């Protein structure tokens, strides 16, 4: 009976030991705190100081490139299930795959010729 639960027991022990050892090591090897200065007490997030920021305008081509990346990324996700079942689908699946890739290639050439990928 214990043989079937042994992998779960080992996994549970590792799941507790790894984060626990990380906590112990971080306290053991942490540097001593330095003297507190004003610069160290001011909140600092993502490289932006606490002052007011003026609104920044982005170029439309930035958004267009981001949207094209998302569209083509989602299209590529649809290729994975077809590639997994390609052997079972035979020549019909291969022709569907080739047609899908052809549509993607035509769309890519079209947006390239339109200059949508130019910054």
C-alpha atoms as a PDB file:
ATOM      1  CA  UNK A   1       0.000   0.000   0.000  1.00  0.00           C
ATOM      2  CA  UNK A   2       2.849   2.387   0.827  1.00  0.00           C
ATOM      3  CA  UNK A   3       4.425   1.761  -2.599  1.00  0.00           C
ATOM      4  CA  UNK A   4       1.578   3.541  -4.360  1.00  0.00           C
ATOM      5  CA  UNK A   5       1.797   6.562  -2.023  1.00  0.00           C
ATOM      6  CA  UNK A   6       5.599   6.798  -1.973  1.00  0.00           C
ATOM      7  CA  UNK A   7       5.894   9.117  -5.037  1.00  0.00           C
ATOM      8  CA  UNK A   8       3.306  11.491  -3.504  1.00  0.00           C
ATOM      9  CA  UNK A   9       5.151  11.456  -0.212  1.00  0.00           C
ATOM     10  CA  UNK A  10       8.465  12.271  -1.913  1.00  0.00           C
ATOM     11  CA  UNK A  11       6.799  15.022  -3.930  1.00  0.00           C
ATOM     12  CA  UNK A  12       5.247  16.506  -0.784  1.00  0.00           C
ATOM     13  CA  UNK A  13       8.543  16.460   1.070  1.00  0.00           C
ATOM     14  CA  UNK A  14      10.279  18.197  -1.831  1.00  0.00           C
ATOM     15  CA  UNK A  15       7.427  20.692  -2.132  1.00  0.00           C
ATOM     16  CA  UNK A  16       8.020  21.717   1.483  1.00  0.00           C
ATOM     17  CA  UNK A  17      11.820  21.403   1.528  1.00  0.00           C
ATOM     18  CA  UNK A  18      12.620  23.565  -1.497  1.00  0.00           C
ATOM     19  CA  UNK A  19      10.729  26.730  -0.421  1.00  0.00           C
ATOM     20  CA  UNK A  20      11.817  26.187   3.185  1.00  0.00           C
ATOM     21  CA  UNK A  21      15.473  25.968   2.188  1.00  0.00           C
ATOM     22  CA  UNK A  22      15.081  29.106   0.065  1.00  0.00           C
ATOM     23  CA  UNK A  23      13.753  31.024   3.058  1.00  0.00           C
ATOM     24  CA  UNK A  24      16.509  29.772   5.352  1.00  0.00           C
ATOM     25  CA  UNK A  25      19.232  30.584   2.801  1.00  0.00           C
ATOM     26  CA  UNK A  26      17.849  34.077   2.148  1.00  0.00           C
ATOM     27  CA  UNK A  27      18.040  34.908   5.867  1.00  0.00           C
ATOM     28  CA  UNK A  28      21.444  33.291   6.248  1.00  0.00           C
ATOM     29  CA  UNK A  29      23.143  34.943   3.267  1.00  0.00           C
ATOM     30  CA  UNK A  30      21.339  38.289   3.302  1.00  0.00           C
ATOM     31  CA  UNK A  31      23.474  41.399   3.463  1.00  0.00           C
ATOM     32  CA  UNK A  32      23.398  43.520   6.549  1.00  0.00           C
ATOM     33  CA  UNK A  33      21.097  46.527   6.227  1.00  0.00           C
ATOM     34  CA  UNK A  34      22.842  49.755   5.307  1.00  0.00           C
ATOM     35  CA  UNK A  35      22.293  53.154   6.839  1.00  0.00           C
ATOM     36  CA  UNK A  36      18.848  54.521   6.001  1.00  0.00           C
ATOM     37  CA  UNK A  37      18.950  57.606   3.806  1.00  0.00           C
ATOM     38  CA  UNK A  38      16.185  59.586   2.146  1.00  0.00           C
ATOM     39  CA  UNK A  39      16.966  58.052  -1.240  1.00  0.00           C
ATOM     40  CA  UNK A  40      16.484  54.567   0.193  1.00  0.00           C
ATOM     41  CA  UNK A  41      13.139  55.340   1.819  1.00  0.00           C
ATOM     42  CA  UNK A  42      11.472  56.878  -1.279  1.00  0.00           C
ATOM     43  CA  UNK A  43       9.321  54.354  -3.153  1.00  0.00           C
ATOM     44  CA  UNK A  44      10.841  53.302  -6.464  1.00  0.00           C
ATOM     45  CA  UNK A  45       8.923  51.241  -8.958  1.00  0.00           C
ATOM     46  CA  UNK A  46       9.953  50.176 -12.464  1.00  0.00           C
ATOM     47  CA  UNK A  47      12.479  52.945 -12.879  1.00  0.00           C
ATOM     48  CA  UNK A  48       9.927  55.716 -12.375  1.00  0.00           C
ATOM     49  CA  UNK A  49      10.427  58.196  -9.586  1.00  0.00           C
ATOM     50  CA  UNK A  50       7.540  59.325  -7.444  1.00  0.00           C
ATOM     51  CA  UNK A  51       7.055  62.667  -9.206  1.00  0.00           C
ATOM     52  CA  UNK A  52       4.173  63.414 -11.544  1.00  0.00           C
ATOM     53  CA  UNK A  53       4.533  62.139 -15.057  1.00  0.00           C
ATOM     54  CA  UNK A  54       3.274  63.874 -18.136  1.00  0.00           C
ATOM     55  CA  UNK A  55       1.149  61.681 -20.381  1.00  0.00           C
ATOM     56  CA  UNK A  56       3.133  59.932 -23.063  1.00  0.00           C
ATOM     57  CA  UNK A  57       1.690  59.371 -26.528  1.00  0.00           C
ATOM     58  CA  UNK A  58       2.563  56.287 -28.489  1.00  0.00           C
ATOM     59  CA  UNK A  59       2.693  56.089 -32.232  1.00  0.00           C
ATOM     60  CA  UNK A  60      -0.147  54.227 -33.948  1.00  0.00           C
ATOM     61  CA  UNK A  61       2.339  51.865 -35.587  1.00  0.00           C
ATOM     62  CA  UNK A  62       3.251  50.577 -32.123  1.00  0.00           C
ATOM     63  CA  UNK A  63      -0.340  49.438 -31.534  1.00  0.00           C
ATOM     64  CA  UNK A  64      -0.650  48.087 -35.064  1.00  0.00           C
ATOM     65  CA  UNK A  65       2.489  45.994 -34.675  1.00  0.00           C
ATOM     66  CA  UNK A  66       1.294  44.721 -31.295  1.00  0.00           C
ATOM     67  CA  UNK A  67      -2.091  43.728 -32.739  1.00  0.00           C
ATOM     68  CA  UNK A  68      -0.477  41.989 -35.706  1.00  0.00           C
ATOM     69  CA  UNK A  69       1.784  40.063 -33.344  1.00  0.00           C
ATOM     70  CA  UNK A  70      -1.236  38.930 -31.316  1.00  0.00           C
ATOM     71  CA  UNK A  71      -3.175  37.902 -34.432  1.00  0.00           C
ATOM     72  CA  UNK A  72      -0.303  35.879 -35.904  1.00  0.00           C
ATOM     73  CA  UNK A  73       0.526  34.389 -32.510  1.00  0.00           C
ATOM     74  CA  UNK A  74      -3.042  33.148 -32.114  1.00  0.00           C
ATOM     75  CA  UNK A  75      -3.006  31.767 -35.660  1.00  0.00           C
ATOM     76  CA  UNK A  76       0.125  29.766 -34.902  1.00  0.00           C
ATOM     77  CA  UNK A  77      -1.562  28.278 -31.833  1.00  0.00           C
ATOM     78  CA  UNK A  78      -4.101  26.671 -34.180  1.00  0.00           C
ATOM     79  CA  UNK A  79      -1.287  24.865 -35.996  1.00  0.00           C
ATOM     80  CA  UNK A  80      -0.296  22.779 -32.976  1.00  0.00           C
ATOM     81  CA  UNK A  81      -3.380  20.494 -32.781  1.00  0.00           C
ATOM     82  CA  UNK A  82      -3.247  19.977 -36.524  1.00  0.00           C
ATOM     83  CA  UNK A  83       0.450  19.091 -36.366  1.00  0.00           C
ATOM     84  CA  UNK A  84      -0.190  16.600 -33.557  1.00  0.00           C
ATOM     85  CA  UNK A  85      -2.903  14.802 -35.540  1.00  0.00           C
ATOM     86  CA  UNK A  86      -1.269  15.170 -38.962  1.00  0.00           C
ATOM     87  CA  UNK A  87      -0.313  11.508 -39.241  1.00  0.00           C
ATOM     88  CA  UNK A  88      -3.851  10.365 -38.409  1.00  0.00           C
ATOM     89  CA  UNK A  89      -5.425  12.838 -40.868  1.00  0.00           C
ATOM     90  CA  UNK A  90      -3.222  11.773 -43.769  1.00  0.00           C
ATOM     91  CA  UNK A  91      -3.137  13.730 -47.025  1.00  0.00           C
ATOM     92  CA  UNK A  92      -6.337  15.594 -46.193  1.00  0.00           C
ATOM     93  CA  UNK A  93      -4.719  16.985 -43.050  1.00  0.00           C
ATOM     94  CA  UNK A  94      -1.571  17.872 -44.954  1.00  0.00           C
ATOM     95  CA  UNK A  95      -3.550  19.762 -47.585  1.00  0.00           C
ATOM     96  CA  UNK A  96      -5.467  21.632 -44.856  1.00  0.00           C
ATOM     97  CA  UNK A  97      -2.173  22.496 -43.152  1.00  0.00           C
ATOM     98  CA  UNK A  98      -0.643  23.704 -46.413  1.00  0.00           C
ATOM     99  CA  UNK A  99      -3.718  25.823 -47.184  1.00  0.00           C
ATOM    100  CA  UNK A 100      -3.675  27.366 -43.702  1.00  0.00           C
ATOM    101  CA  UNK A 101       0.035  28.195 -43.966  1.00  0.00           C
ATOM    102  CA  UNK A 102      -0.566  29.647 -47.442  1.00  0.00           C
ATOM    103  CA  UNK A 103      -3.265  31.963 -46.045  1.00  0.00           C
ATOM    104  CA  UNK A 104      -0.895  33.073 -43.273  1.00  0.00           C
ATOM    105  CA  UNK A 105       1.888  33.661 -45.792  1.00  0.00           C
ATOM    106  CA  UNK A 106      -0.378  35.749 -48.057  1.00  0.00           C
ATOM    107  CA  UNK A 107      -1.520  37.823 -45.056  1.00  0.00           C
ATOM    108  CA  UNK A 108       2.081  38.331 -43.940  1.00  0.00           C
ATOM    109  CA  UNK A 109       3.190  39.468 -47.403  1.00  0.00           C
ATOM    110  CA  UNK A 110       0.164  41.782 -47.616  1.00  0.00           C
ATOM    111  CA  UNK A 111       0.904  43.561 -44.338  1.00  0.00           C
ATOM    112  CA  UNK A 112       4.587  43.693 -45.228  1.00  0.00           C
ATOM    113  CA  UNK A 113       3.823  45.389 -48.570  1.00  0.00           C
ATOM    114  CA  UNK A 114       1.414  47.806 -46.881  1.00  0.00           C
ATOM    115  CA  UNK A 115       4.246  48.919 -44.582  1.00  0.00           C
ATOM    116  CA  UNK A 116       2.525  47.863 -41.360  1.00  0.00           C
ATOM    117  CA  UNK A 117       5.760  46.375 -40.043  1.00  0.00           C
ATOM    118  CA  UNK A 118       7.747  49.573 -40.549  1.00  0.00           C
ATOM    119  CA  UNK A 119       8.440  51.704 -37.485  1.00  0.00           C
END
